[in-house]
């Protein structure tokens, strides 16, 4: 199972802009990162699971697109977000 409802609620609470926000780019990037981390661990154990590999690559591409959008629209928010999530070493 990917991420639990409690984990998802916690991530949304941590990265949302206001009380009712659940779809801003920051929240979407945080949720995608959690799913990518889970699938990365899954792929280490199951090297020949090509269906999950395809899903992982799609998630990485989707996150890259959202990061590019955020970088172009709000540079400060982009830099703080990648710092919090530990992306871009």
PDB file of N, CA and C in Angstrom:
ATOM      1  N   UNK A   1       0.837  -1.178   0.000  1.00  0.00           N
ATOM      2  CA  UNK A   1       0.000   0.000   0.000  1.00  0.00           C
ATOM      3  C   UNK A   1       0.884   1.245   0.000  1.00  0.00           C
ATOM      4  N   UNK A   2       0.539   2.199  -0.789  1.00  0.00           N
ATOM      5  CA  UNK A   2       1.387   3.369  -0.981  1.00  0.00           C
ATOM      6  C   UNK A   2       1.480   4.212   0.293  1.00  0.00           C
ATOM      7  N   UNK A   3       0.664   5.231   0.444  1.00  0.00           N
ATOM      8  CA  UNK A   3       0.691   6.037   1.657  1.00  0.00           C
ATOM      9  C   UNK A   3      -0.696   5.988   2.284  1.00  0.00           C
ATOM     10  N   UNK A   4      -0.721   6.002   3.600  1.00  0.00           N
ATOM     11  CA  UNK A   4      -1.995   5.910   4.309  1.00  0.00           C
ATOM     12  C   UNK A   4      -2.693   7.263   4.301  1.00  0.00           C
ATOM     13  N   UNK A   5      -3.956   7.225   4.656  1.00  0.00           N
ATOM     14  CA  UNK A   5      -4.750   8.452   4.700  1.00  0.00           C
ATOM     15  C   UNK A   5      -4.182   9.425   5.729  1.00  0.00           C
ATOM     16  N   UNK A   6      -3.703   8.903   6.847  1.00  0.00           N
ATOM     17  CA  UNK A   6      -3.126   9.763   7.882  1.00  0.00           C
ATOM     18  C   UNK A   6      -1.855  10.450   7.385  1.00  0.00           C
ATOM     19  N   UNK A   7      -1.013   9.699   6.685  1.00  0.00           N
ATOM     20  CA  UNK A   7       0.208  10.288   6.148  1.00  0.00           C
ATOM     21  C   UNK A   7      -0.120  11.371   5.119  1.00  0.00           C
ATOM     22  N   UNK A   8      -1.125  11.098   4.296  1.00  0.00           N
ATOM     23  CA  UNK A   8      -1.522  12.061   3.275  1.00  0.00           C
ATOM     24  C   UNK A   8      -2.064  13.336   3.923  1.00  0.00           C
ATOM     25  N   UNK A   9      -2.894  13.181   4.952  1.00  0.00           N
ATOM     26  CA  UNK A   9      -3.444  14.336   5.663  1.00  0.00           C
ATOM     27  C   UNK A   9      -2.328  15.143   6.311  1.00  0.00           C
ATOM     28  N   UNK A  10      -1.346  14.471   6.871  1.00  0.00           N
ATOM     29  CA  UNK A  10      -0.213  15.148   7.504  1.00  0.00           C
ATOM     30  C   UNK A  10       0.596  15.941   6.480  1.00  0.00           C
ATOM     31  N   UNK A  11       0.848  15.333   5.306  1.00  0.00           N
ATOM     32  CA  UNK A  11       1.593  16.039   4.264  1.00  0.00           C
ATOM     33  C   UNK A  11       0.829  17.258   3.753  1.00  0.00           C
ATOM     34  N   UNK A  12      -0.470  17.091   3.563  1.00  0.00           N
ATOM     35  CA  UNK A  12      -1.284  18.211   3.098  1.00  0.00           C
ATOM     36  C   UNK A  12      -1.257  19.335   4.132  1.00  0.00           C
ATOM     37  N   UNK A  13      -1.377  18.983   5.409  1.00  0.00           N
ATOM     38  CA  UNK A  13      -1.342  19.982   6.467  1.00  0.00           C
ATOM     39  C   UNK A  13      -0.014  20.712   6.548  1.00  0.00           C
ATOM     40  N   UNK A  14       1.051  20.016   6.239  1.00  0.00           N
ATOM     41  CA  UNK A  14       2.380  20.598   6.331  1.00  0.00           C
ATOM     42  C   UNK A  14       2.689  21.550   5.172  1.00  0.00           C
ATOM     43  N   UNK A  15       2.174  21.260   3.976  1.00  0.00           N
ATOM     44  CA  UNK A  15       2.567  22.028   2.802  1.00  0.00           C
ATOM     45  C   UNK A  15       1.473  22.914   2.216  1.00  0.00           C
ATOM     46  N   UNK A  16       0.285  22.923   2.797  1.00  0.00           N
ATOM     47  CA  UNK A  16      -0.796  23.715   2.212  1.00  0.00           C
ATOM     48  C   UNK A  16      -0.601  25.204   2.457  1.00  0.00           C
ATOM     49  N   UNK A  17      -1.258  25.992   1.609  1.00  0.00           N
ATOM     50  CA  UNK A  17      -1.138  27.451   1.703  1.00  0.00           C
ATOM     51  C   UNK A  17      -2.118  28.025   2.713  1.00  0.00           C
ATOM     52  N   UNK A  18      -3.352  27.473   2.758  1.00  0.00           N
ATOM     53  CA  UNK A  18      -4.347  27.940   3.710  1.00  0.00           C
ATOM     54  C   UNK A  18      -5.194  26.751   4.161  1.00  0.00           C
ATOM     55  N   UNK A  19      -6.234  27.008   4.919  1.00  0.00           N
ATOM     56  CA  UNK A  19      -7.056  25.949   5.520  1.00  0.00           C
ATOM     57  C   UNK A  19      -7.661  24.992   4.502  1.00  0.00           C
ATOM     58  N   UNK A  20      -8.142  25.529   3.385  1.00  0.00           N
ATOM     59  CA  UNK A  20      -8.879  24.699   2.435  1.00  0.00           C
ATOM     60  C   UNK A  20      -8.030  24.211   1.272  1.00  0.00           C
ATOM     61  N   UNK A  21      -6.746  24.474   1.280  1.00  0.00           N
ATOM     62  CA  UNK A  21      -5.871  24.128   0.167  1.00  0.00           C
ATOM     63  C   UNK A  21      -5.505  22.648   0.201  1.00  0.00           C
ATOM     64  N   UNK A  22      -5.707  21.966  -0.926  1.00  0.00           N
ATOM     65  CA  UNK A  22      -5.265  20.578  -1.020  1.00  0.00           C
ATOM     66  C   UNK A  22      -4.733  20.268  -2.408  1.00  0.00           C
ATOM     67  N   UNK A  23      -4.659  21.263  -3.287  1.00  0.00           N
ATOM     68  CA  UNK A  23      -4.243  20.997  -4.648  1.00  0.00           C
ATOM     69  C   UNK A  23      -3.195  21.932  -5.199  1.00  0.00           C
ATOM     70  N   UNK A  24      -2.576  22.727  -4.335  1.00  0.00           N
ATOM     71  CA  UNK A  24      -1.535  23.630  -4.812  1.00  0.00           C
ATOM     72  C   UNK A  24      -0.322  22.811  -5.271  1.00  0.00           C
ATOM     73  N   UNK A  25       0.526  23.391  -6.096  1.00  0.00           N
ATOM     74  CA  UNK A  25       1.688  22.650  -6.580  1.00  0.00           C
ATOM     75  C   UNK A  25       2.568  22.110  -5.447  1.00  0.00           C
ATOM     76  N   UNK A  26       2.691  22.869  -4.352  1.00  0.00           N
ATOM     77  CA  UNK A  26       3.527  22.402  -3.243  1.00  0.00           C
ATOM     78  C   UNK A  26       2.973  21.109  -2.647  1.00  0.00           C
ATOM     79  N   UNK A  27       1.666  21.065  -2.460  1.00  0.00           N
ATOM     80  CA  UNK A  27       1.029  19.874  -1.892  1.00  0.00           C
ATOM     81  C   UNK A  27       1.170  18.705  -2.858  1.00  0.00           C
ATOM     82  N   UNK A  28       0.932  18.946  -4.135  1.00  0.00           N
ATOM     83  CA  UNK A  28       1.039  17.879  -5.122  1.00  0.00           C
ATOM     84  C   UNK A  28       2.457  17.331  -5.185  1.00  0.00           C
ATOM     85  N   UNK A  29       3.453  18.206  -5.131  1.00  0.00           N
ATOM     86  CA  UNK A  29       4.847  17.773  -5.180  1.00  0.00           C
ATOM     87  C   UNK A  29       5.184  16.949  -3.941  1.00  0.00           C
ATOM     88  N   UNK A  30       4.711  17.365  -2.776  1.00  0.00           N
ATOM     89  CA  UNK A  30       4.974  16.622  -1.541  1.00  0.00           C
ATOM     90  C   UNK A  30       4.340  15.233  -1.596  1.00  0.00           C
ATOM     91  N   UNK A  31       3.106  15.137  -2.081  1.00  0.00           N
ATOM     92  CA  UNK A  31       2.440  13.839  -2.181  1.00  0.00           C
ATOM     93  C   UNK A  31       3.128  12.941  -3.204  1.00  0.00           C
ATOM     94  N   UNK A  32       3.521  13.516  -4.331  1.00  0.00           N
ATOM     95  CA  UNK A  32       4.239  12.726  -5.331  1.00  0.00           C
ATOM     96  C   UNK A  32       5.576  12.234  -4.787  1.00  0.00           C
ATOM     97  N   UNK A  33       6.262  13.064  -4.029  1.00  0.00           N
ATOM     98  CA  UNK A  33       7.546  12.670  -3.451  1.00  0.00           C
ATOM     99  C   UNK A  33       7.374  11.497  -2.499  1.00  0.00           C
ATOM    100  N   UNK A  34       6.317  11.513  -1.702  1.00  0.00           N
ATOM    101  CA  UNK A  34       6.057  10.393  -0.788  1.00  0.00           C
ATOM    102  C   UNK A  34       5.799   9.112  -1.566  1.00  0.00           C
ATOM    103  N   UNK A  35       5.014   9.207  -2.635  1.00  0.00           N
ATOM    104  CA  UNK A  35       4.735   8.022  -3.444  1.00  0.00           C
ATOM    105  C   UNK A  35       5.982   7.534  -4.166  1.00  0.00           C
ATOM    106  N   UNK A  36       6.807   8.463  -4.648  1.00  0.00           N
ATOM    107  CA  UNK A  36       8.048   8.099  -5.333  1.00  0.00           C
ATOM    108  C   UNK A  36       8.991   7.395  -4.364  1.00  0.00           C
ATOM    109  N   UNK A  37       9.103   7.906  -3.145  1.00  0.00           N
ATOM    110  CA  UNK A  37       9.966   7.267  -2.152  1.00  0.00           C
ATOM    111  C   UNK A  37       9.493   5.853  -1.841  1.00  0.00           C
ATOM    112  N   UNK A  38       8.171   5.661  -1.729  1.00  0.00           N
ATOM    113  CA  UNK A  38       7.630   4.336  -1.466  1.00  0.00           C
ATOM    114  C   UNK A  38       7.937   3.391  -2.629  1.00  0.00           C
ATOM    115  N   UNK A  39       7.694   3.845  -3.845  1.00  0.00           N
ATOM    116  CA  UNK A  39       7.935   2.985  -5.005  1.00  0.00           C
ATOM    117  C   UNK A  39       9.420   2.700  -5.217  1.00  0.00           C
ATOM    118  N   UNK A  40      10.269   3.634  -4.849  1.00  0.00           N
ATOM    119  CA  UNK A  40      11.703   3.407  -4.961  1.00  0.00           C
ATOM    120  C   UNK A  40      12.124   2.250  -4.059  1.00  0.00           C
ATOM    121  N   UNK A  41      11.620   2.234  -2.833  1.00  0.00           N
ATOM    122  CA  UNK A  41      11.914   1.126  -1.924  1.00  0.00           C
ATOM    123  C   UNK A  41      11.332  -0.178  -2.455  1.00  0.00           C
ATOM    124  N   UNK A  42      10.141  -0.123  -3.022  1.00  0.00           N
ATOM    125  CA  UNK A  42       9.513  -1.309  -3.598  1.00  0.00           C
ATOM    126  C   UNK A  42      10.369  -1.867  -4.737  1.00  0.00           C
ATOM    127  N   UNK A  43      10.908  -0.970  -5.566  1.00  0.00           N
ATOM    128  CA  UNK A  43      11.712  -1.411  -6.707  1.00  0.00           C
ATOM    129  C   UNK A  43      13.043  -2.016  -6.269  1.00  0.00           C
ATOM    130  N   UNK A  44      13.549  -1.600  -5.124  1.00  0.00           N
ATOM    131  CA  UNK A  44      14.787  -2.216  -4.626  1.00  0.00           C
ATOM    132  C   UNK A  44      14.560  -3.674  -4.258  1.00  0.00           C
ATOM    133  N   UNK A  45      13.363  -3.992  -3.774  1.00  0.00           N
ATOM    134  CA  UNK A  45      13.053  -5.365  -3.384  1.00  0.00           C
ATOM    135  C   UNK A  45      12.564  -6.197  -4.565  1.00  0.00           C
ATOM    136  N   UNK A  46      11.900  -5.562  -5.526  1.00  0.00           N
ATOM    137  CA  UNK A  46      11.296  -6.270  -6.656  1.00  0.00           C
ATOM    138  C   UNK A  46      11.829  -5.687  -7.960  1.00  0.00           C
ATOM    139  N   UNK A  47      13.025  -6.102  -8.327  1.00  0.00           N
ATOM    140  CA  UNK A  47      13.723  -5.509  -9.463  1.00  0.00           C
ATOM    141  C   UNK A  47      13.043  -5.752 -10.804  1.00  0.00           C
ATOM    142  N   UNK A  48      12.266  -6.813 -10.917  1.00  0.00           N
ATOM    143  CA  UNK A  48      11.660  -7.146 -12.207  1.00  0.00           C
ATOM    144  C   UNK A  48      10.198  -6.720 -12.321  1.00  0.00           C
ATOM    145  N   UNK A  49       9.746  -5.878 -11.432  1.00  0.00           N
ATOM    146  CA  UNK A  49       8.364  -5.393 -11.470  1.00  0.00           C
ATOM    147  C   UNK A  49       8.299  -4.202 -12.428  1.00  0.00           C
ATOM    148  N   UNK A  50       8.134  -4.512 -13.698  1.00  0.00           N
ATOM    149  CA  UNK A  50       8.209  -3.471 -14.721  1.00  0.00           C
ATOM    150  C   UNK A  50       6.967  -2.587 -14.759  1.00  0.00           C
ATOM    151  N   UNK A  51       5.833  -3.081 -14.317  1.00  0.00           N
ATOM    152  CA  UNK A  51       4.631  -2.256 -14.258  1.00  0.00           C
ATOM    153  C   UNK A  51       4.802  -1.152 -13.216  1.00  0.00           C
ATOM    154  N   UNK A  52       5.351  -1.500 -12.069  1.00  0.00           N
ATOM    155  CA  UNK A  52       5.606  -0.486 -11.042  1.00  0.00           C
ATOM    156  C   UNK A  52       6.699   0.482 -11.486  1.00  0.00           C
ATOM    157  N   UNK A  53       7.657  -0.023 -12.249  1.00  0.00           N
ATOM    158  CA  UNK A  53       8.730   0.832 -12.757  1.00  0.00           C
ATOM    159  C   UNK A  53       8.147   1.894 -13.682  1.00  0.00           C
ATOM    160  N   UNK A  54       7.213   1.489 -14.532  1.00  0.00           N
ATOM    161  CA  UNK A  54       6.583   2.440 -15.445  1.00  0.00           C
ATOM    162  C   UNK A  54       5.807   3.492 -14.655  1.00  0.00           C
ATOM    163  N   UNK A  55       5.079   3.062 -13.627  1.00  0.00           N
ATOM    164  CA  UNK A  55       4.356   3.999 -12.791  1.00  0.00           C
ATOM    165  C   UNK A  55       5.285   4.968 -12.081  1.00  0.00           C
ATOM    166  N   UNK A  56       6.414   4.445 -11.613  1.00  0.00           N
ATOM    167  CA  UNK A  56       7.401   5.289 -10.938  1.00  0.00           C
ATOM    168  C   UNK A  56       7.935   6.348 -11.893  1.00  0.00           C
ATOM    169  N   UNK A  57       8.247   5.955 -13.114  1.00  0.00           N
ATOM    170  CA  UNK A  57       8.762   6.918 -14.089  1.00  0.00           C
ATOM    171  C   UNK A  57       7.728   7.985 -14.425  1.00  0.00           C
ATOM    172  N   UNK A  58       6.453   7.607 -14.479  1.00  0.00           N
ATOM    173  CA  UNK A  58       5.402   8.585 -14.736  1.00  0.00           C
ATOM    174  C   UNK A  58       5.297   9.583 -13.587  1.00  0.00           C
ATOM    175  N   UNK A  59       5.408   9.082 -12.341  1.00  0.00           N
ATOM    176  CA  UNK A  59       5.334   9.973 -11.187  1.00  0.00           C
ATOM    177  C   UNK A  59       6.508  10.942 -11.161  1.00  0.00           C
ATOM    178  N   UNK A  60       7.693  10.442 -11.479  1.00  0.00           N
ATOM    179  CA  UNK A  60       8.884  11.301 -11.496  1.00  0.00           C
ATOM    180  C   UNK A  60       8.731  12.392 -12.550  1.00  0.00           C
ATOM    181  N   UNK A  61       8.202  12.031 -13.705  1.00  0.00           N
ATOM    182  CA  UNK A  61       7.998  13.008 -14.764  1.00  0.00           C
ATOM    183  C   UNK A  61       6.961  14.055 -14.362  1.00  0.00           C
ATOM    184  N   UNK A  62       5.895  13.607 -13.723  1.00  0.00           N
ATOM    185  CA  UNK A  62       4.846  14.532 -13.278  1.00  0.00           C
ATOM    186  C   UNK A  62       5.403  15.500 -12.233  1.00  0.00           C
ATOM    187  N   UNK A  63       6.201  14.983 -11.306  1.00  0.00           N
ATOM    188  CA  UNK A  63       6.798  15.854 -10.283  1.00  0.00           C
ATOM    189  C   UNK A  63       7.763  16.843 -10.917  1.00  0.00           C
ATOM    190  N   UNK A  64       8.520  16.404 -11.909  1.00  0.00           N
ATOM    191  CA  UNK A  64       9.456  17.302 -12.590  1.00  0.00           C
ATOM    192  C   UNK A  64       8.715  18.443 -13.270  1.00  0.00           C
ATOM    193  N   UNK A  65       7.582  18.143 -13.881  1.00  0.00           N
ATOM    194  CA  UNK A  65       6.786  19.191 -14.523  1.00  0.00           C
ATOM    195  C   UNK A  65       6.275  20.200 -13.497  1.00  0.00           C
ATOM    196  N   UNK A  66       5.790  19.699 -12.367  1.00  0.00           N
ATOM    197  CA  UNK A  66       5.294  20.603 -11.320  1.00  0.00           C
ATOM    198  C   UNK A  66       6.429  21.447 -10.737  1.00  0.00           C
ATOM    199  N   UNK A  67       7.593  20.850 -10.554  1.00  0.00           N
ATOM    200  CA  UNK A  67       8.741  21.603 -10.042  1.00  0.00           C
ATOM    201  C   UNK A  67       9.167  22.683 -11.035  1.00  0.00           C
ATOM    202  N   UNK A  68       9.135  22.360 -12.310  1.00  0.00           N
ATOM    203  CA  UNK A  68       9.484  23.351 -13.330  1.00  0.00           C
ATOM    204  C   UNK A  68       8.500  24.523 -13.295  1.00  0.00           C
ATOM    205  N   UNK A  69       7.218  24.219 -13.179  1.00  0.00           N
ATOM    206  CA  UNK A  69       6.199  25.267 -13.091  1.00  0.00           C
ATOM    207  C   UNK A  69       6.440  26.159 -11.872  1.00  0.00           C
ATOM    208  N   UNK A  70       6.689  25.517 -10.730  1.00  0.00           N
ATOM    209  CA  UNK A  70       6.889  26.276  -9.502  1.00  0.00           C
ATOM    210  C   UNK A  70       8.162  27.116  -9.581  1.00  0.00           C
ATOM    211  N   UNK A  71       9.214  26.577 -10.189  1.00  0.00           N
ATOM    212  CA  UNK A  71      10.464  27.311 -10.337  1.00  0.00           C
ATOM    213  C   UNK A  71      10.267  28.565 -11.180  1.00  0.00           C
ATOM    214  N   UNK A  72       9.430  28.464 -12.207  1.00  0.00           N
ATOM    215  CA  UNK A  72       9.220  29.607 -13.094  1.00  0.00           C
ATOM    216  C   UNK A  72       8.282  30.654 -12.504  1.00  0.00           C
ATOM    217  N   UNK A  73       7.339  30.230 -11.637  1.00  0.00           N
ATOM    218  CA  UNK A  73       6.348  31.166 -11.122  1.00  0.00           C
ATOM    219  C   UNK A  73       6.732  31.762  -9.772  1.00  0.00           C
ATOM    220  N   UNK A  74       7.364  30.970  -8.891  1.00  0.00           N
ATOM    221  CA  UNK A  74       7.678  31.462  -7.551  1.00  0.00           C
ATOM    222  C   UNK A  74       9.002  30.841  -7.094  1.00  0.00           C
ATOM    223  N   UNK A  75      10.100  31.495  -7.406  1.00  0.00           N
ATOM    224  CA  UNK A  75      11.443  30.952  -7.162  1.00  0.00           C
ATOM    225  C   UNK A  75      11.717  30.707  -5.672  1.00  0.00           C
ATOM    226  N   UNK A  76      11.301  31.636  -4.804  1.00  0.00           N
ATOM    227  CA  UNK A  76      11.572  31.487  -3.371  1.00  0.00           C
ATOM    228  C   UNK A  76      10.848  30.268  -2.796  1.00  0.00           C
ATOM    229  N   UNK A  77       9.597  30.101  -3.184  1.00  0.00           N
ATOM    230  CA  UNK A  77       8.811  28.960  -2.723  1.00  0.00           C
ATOM    231  C   UNK A  77       9.414  27.650  -3.238  1.00  0.00           C
ATOM    232  N   UNK A  78       9.880  27.661  -4.477  1.00  0.00           N
ATOM    233  CA  UNK A  78      10.531  26.494  -5.069  1.00  0.00           C
ATOM    234  C   UNK A  78      11.772  26.099  -4.265  1.00  0.00           C
ATOM    235  N   UNK A  79      12.606  27.066  -3.942  1.00  0.00           N
ATOM    236  CA  UNK A  79      13.836  26.777  -3.203  1.00  0.00           C
ATOM    237  C   UNK A  79      13.545  26.259  -1.794  1.00  0.00           C
ATOM    238  N   UNK A  80      12.539  26.832  -1.129  1.00  0.00           N
ATOM    239  CA  UNK A  80      12.202  26.358   0.208  1.00  0.00           C
ATOM    240  C   UNK A  80      11.603  24.953   0.160  1.00  0.00           C
ATOM    241  N   UNK A  81      10.815  24.665  -0.870  1.00  0.00           N
ATOM    242  CA  UNK A  81      10.184  23.355  -0.990  1.00  0.00           C
ATOM    243  C   UNK A  81      11.213  22.257  -1.244  1.00  0.00           C
ATOM    244  N   UNK A  82      12.157  22.493  -2.146  1.00  0.00           N
ATOM    245  CA  UNK A  82      13.143  21.449  -2.401  1.00  0.00           C
ATOM    246  C   UNK A  82      14.054  21.256  -1.191  1.00  0.00           C
ATOM    247  N   UNK A  83      14.230  22.308  -0.411  1.00  0.00           N
ATOM    248  CA  UNK A  83      14.996  22.172   0.824  1.00  0.00           C
ATOM    249  C   UNK A  83      14.266  21.306   1.852  1.00  0.00           C
ATOM    250  N   UNK A  84      12.959  21.530   2.001  1.00  0.00           N
ATOM    251  CA  UNK A  84      12.170  20.751   2.952  1.00  0.00           C
ATOM    252  C   UNK A  84      12.073  19.286   2.553  1.00  0.00           C
ATOM    253  N   UNK A  85      11.943  19.030   1.251  1.00  0.00           N
ATOM    254  CA  UNK A  85      11.750  17.661   0.778  1.00  0.00           C
ATOM    255  C   UNK A  85      13.070  16.932   0.536  1.00  0.00           C
ATOM    256  N   UNK A  86      14.168  17.669   0.551  1.00  0.00           N
ATOM    257  CA  UNK A  86      15.461  17.032   0.353  1.00  0.00           C
ATOM    258  C   UNK A  86      15.728  16.656  -1.094  1.00  0.00           C
ATOM    259  N   UNK A  87      15.206  17.424  -2.022  1.00  0.00           N
ATOM    260  CA  UNK A  87      15.442  17.186  -3.443  1.00  0.00           C
ATOM    261  C   UNK A  87      16.622  18.023  -3.911  1.00  0.00           C
ATOM    262  N   UNK A  88      17.187  17.675  -5.030  1.00  0.00           N
ATOM    263  CA  UNK A  88      18.279  18.432  -5.663  1.00  0.00           C
ATOM    264  C   UNK A  88      19.458  18.616  -4.732  1.00  0.00           C
ATOM    265  N   UNK A  89      20.288  17.652  -4.658  1.00  0.00           N
ATOM    266  CA  UNK A  89      21.424  17.704  -3.739  1.00  0.00           C
ATOM    267  C   UNK A  89      22.441  18.751  -4.118  1.00  0.00           C
TER     268      UNK A  89
END
